[in-house]
C-alpha atoms as a PDB file:
ATOM      1  CA  MET A   1       0.000   0.000   0.000  1.00  0.00           C
ATOM      2  CA  ILE A   2       1.175   3.546  -0.716  1.00  0.00           C
ATOM      3  CA  THR A   3       0.658   6.497   1.599  1.00  0.00           C
ATOM      4  CA  ALA A   4      -0.378   9.982   0.564  1.00  0.00           C
ATOM      5  CA  ALA A   5       2.999  11.272   1.766  1.00  0.00           C
ATOM      6  CA  GLN A   6       4.805   8.739  -0.463  1.00  0.00           C
ATOM      7  CA  LEU A   7       2.789   9.859  -3.473  1.00  0.00           C
ATOM      8  CA  ARG A   8       3.635  13.522  -2.821  1.00  0.00           C
ATOM      9  CA  ALA A   9       7.300  12.613  -2.273  1.00  0.00           C
ATOM     10  CA  ALA A  10       7.385  10.584  -5.490  1.00  0.00           C
ATOM     11  CA  ARG A  11       6.027  13.557  -7.438  1.00  0.00           C
ATOM     12  CA  ALA A  12       8.653  15.761  -5.812  1.00  0.00           C
ATOM     13  CA  LEU A  13      11.433  13.365  -6.877  1.00  0.00           C
ATOM     14  CA  LEU A  14      10.161  13.557 -10.434  1.00  0.00           C
ATOM     15  CA  ASN A  15       9.613  17.329 -10.175  1.00  0.00           C
ATOM     16  CA  ILE A  16       6.090  17.049 -11.594  1.00  0.00           C
ATOM     17  CA  ASP A  17       2.747  18.545 -10.619  1.00  0.00           C
ATOM     18  CA  GLN A  18      -0.490  16.703  -9.910  1.00  0.00           C
ATOM     19  CA  LYS A  19      -1.788  17.264 -13.447  1.00  0.00           C
ATOM     20  CA  THR A  20       1.314  15.656 -14.973  1.00  0.00           C
ATOM     21  CA  MET A  21       1.054  12.729 -12.548  1.00  0.00           C
ATOM     22  CA  ALA A  22      -2.577  12.224 -13.569  1.00  0.00           C
ATOM     23  CA  GLU A  23      -1.630  12.270 -17.260  1.00  0.00           C
ATOM     24  CA  MET A  24       1.237   9.810 -16.713  1.00  0.00           C
ATOM     25  CA  ALA A  25      -1.074   7.408 -14.893  1.00  0.00           C
ATOM     26  CA  GLY A  26      -4.102   7.844 -17.130  1.00  0.00           C
ATOM     27  CA  VAL A  27      -6.337   8.967 -14.272  1.00  0.00           C
ATOM     28  CA  SER A  28      -8.132  12.239 -13.598  1.00  0.00           C
ATOM     29  CA  LEU A  29      -6.617  15.191 -11.746  1.00  0.00           C
ATOM     30  CA  PRO A  30      -9.308  14.957  -9.014  1.00  0.00           C
ATOM     31  CA  THR A  31      -8.269  11.316  -8.473  1.00  0.00           C
ATOM     32  CA  ILE A  32      -4.673  12.363  -7.739  1.00  0.00           C
ATOM     33  CA  GLN A  33      -5.911  15.201  -5.545  1.00  0.00           C
ATOM     34  CA  ARG A  34      -8.104  12.803  -3.524  1.00  0.00           C
ATOM     35  CA  MET A  35      -5.274  10.296  -3.190  1.00  0.00           C
ATOM     36  CA  GLU A  36      -2.888  12.943  -1.891  1.00  0.00           C
ATOM     37  CA  ALA A  37      -5.503  14.283   0.532  1.00  0.00           C
ATOM     38  CA  SER A  38      -5.928  10.844   2.130  1.00  0.00           C
ATOM     39  CA  LEU A  39      -4.870  10.391   5.719  1.00  0.00           C
ATOM     40  CA  GLY A  40      -2.341   7.592   5.942  1.00  0.00           C
ATOM     41  CA  ASN A  41      -2.742   4.986   3.201  1.00  0.00           C
ATOM     42  CA  VAL A  42      -4.067   6.249  -0.124  1.00  0.00           C
ATOM     43  CA  ARG A  43      -7.742   5.540  -0.565  1.00  0.00           C
ATOM     44  CA  GLY A  44      -9.281   4.977  -3.939  1.00  0.00           C
ATOM     45  CA  ILE A  45     -10.258   2.484  -6.560  1.00  0.00           C
ATOM     46  CA  VAL A  46      -7.705  -0.315  -6.849  1.00  0.00           C
ATOM     47  CA  ASP A  47      -7.462   0.118 -10.641  1.00  0.00           C
ATOM     48  CA  SER A  48      -6.586   3.817 -10.262  1.00  0.00           C
ATOM     49  CA  LEU A  49      -4.045   3.101  -7.541  1.00  0.00           C
ATOM     50  CA  THR A  50      -2.460   0.403  -9.696  1.00  0.00           C
ATOM     51  CA  LYS A  51      -2.170   2.843 -12.616  1.00  0.00           C
ATOM     52  CA  VAL A  52      -0.438   5.418 -10.412  1.00  0.00           C
ATOM     53  CA  ILE A  53       2.027   2.884  -9.022  1.00  0.00           C
ATOM     54  CA  GLU A  54       2.792   1.551 -12.511  1.00  0.00           C
ATOM     55  CA  ALA A  55       3.377   5.102 -13.790  1.00  0.00           C
ATOM     56  CA  LEU A  56       5.808   5.744 -10.940  1.00  0.00           C
ATOM     57  CA  ASN A  57       7.606   2.475 -11.701  1.00  0.00           C
ATOM     58  CA  ARG A  58       7.931   3.422 -15.379  1.00  0.00           C
ATOM     59  CA  ALA A  59       9.378   6.777 -14.309  1.00  0.00           C
ATOM     60  CA  GLY A  60      12.018   4.991 -12.211  1.00  0.00           C
ATOM     61  CA  VAL A  61      10.589   5.623  -8.755  1.00  0.00           C
ATOM     62  CA  GLU A  62      10.635   2.816  -6.219  1.00  0.00           C
ATOM     63  CA  LEU A  63       8.126   2.797  -3.367  1.00  0.00           C
ATOM     64  CA  LEU A  64       9.556   1.473  -0.111  1.00  0.00           C
ATOM     65  CA  SER A  65       7.171  -0.298   2.222  1.00  0.00           C
ATOM     66  CA  GLU A  66       7.531  -0.531   5.963  1.00  0.00           C
ATOM     67  CA  HIS A  67       9.180  -3.932   5.569  1.00  0.00           C
ATOM     68  CA  THR A  68      11.557  -3.135   2.704  1.00  0.00           C
ATOM     69  CA  HIS A  69      15.212  -3.689   3.525  1.00  0.00           C
ATOM     70  CA  ASN A  70      16.901  -0.321   3.170  1.00  0.00           C
ATOM     71  CA  ASP A  71      19.432   1.786   4.987  1.00  0.00           C
ATOM     72  CA  GLY A  72      17.046   3.970   6.943  1.00  0.00           C
ATOM     73  CA  GLY A  73      14.020   2.082   8.107  1.00  0.00           C
ATOM     74  CA  GLY A  74      10.409   2.867   7.273  1.00  0.00           C
ATOM     75  CA  ARG A  75       8.357   3.826   4.265  1.00  0.00           C
ATOM     76  CA  GLY A  76       9.699   6.081   1.569  1.00  0.00           C
ATOM     77  CA  VAL A  77      10.469   6.607  -2.097  1.00  0.00           C
ATOM     78  CA  ARG A  78      13.672   6.590  -4.082  1.00  0.00           C
ATOM     79  CA  PHE A  79      14.935   6.307  -7.606  1.00  0.00           C
ATOM     80  CA  ARG A  80      15.586   2.720  -8.644  1.00  0.00           C
ATOM     81  CA  ARG A  81      19.216   1.780  -8.972  1.00  0.00           C
ATOM     82  CA  ALA A  82      20.271   1.855 -12.612  1.00  0.00           C
ATOM     83  CA  GLU A  83      21.724  -1.297 -14.059  1.00  0.00           C
ATOM     84  CA  ALA A  84      25.206  -1.419 -15.533  1.00  0.00           C
ATOM     85  CA  PRO A  85      25.323  -1.664 -19.348  1.00  0.00           C
ATOM     86  CA  SER A  86      26.151  -5.373 -19.114  1.00  0.00           C
ATOM     87  CA  GLY A  87      22.848  -5.939 -17.291  1.00  0.00           C
ATOM     88  CA  LYS A  88      24.596  -6.609 -13.995  1.00  0.00           C
ATOM     89  CA  PRO A  89      23.763  -4.486 -10.945  1.00  0.00           C
ATOM     90  CA  ASN A  90      26.164  -1.642 -10.088  1.00  0.00           C
END
């Protein structure tokens, strides 16, 4: 599940506004606005949420859940690590 704060942070990483996020995901601007206004976990139709997450993935943003192994701990967002030209991780 994604939180409203993660969605806002992901947009900030990409330096895009809500309208651009809506266009990238193929959802309406009011849908993004409602998602970002949610308290805690984003509320909305599963299909719309899936579209937003897929758009973020295509843009190179990784959503970190509470249980993701990372350096700092809890939920967050970050750019995915780029792969080396040979296809091996950096």
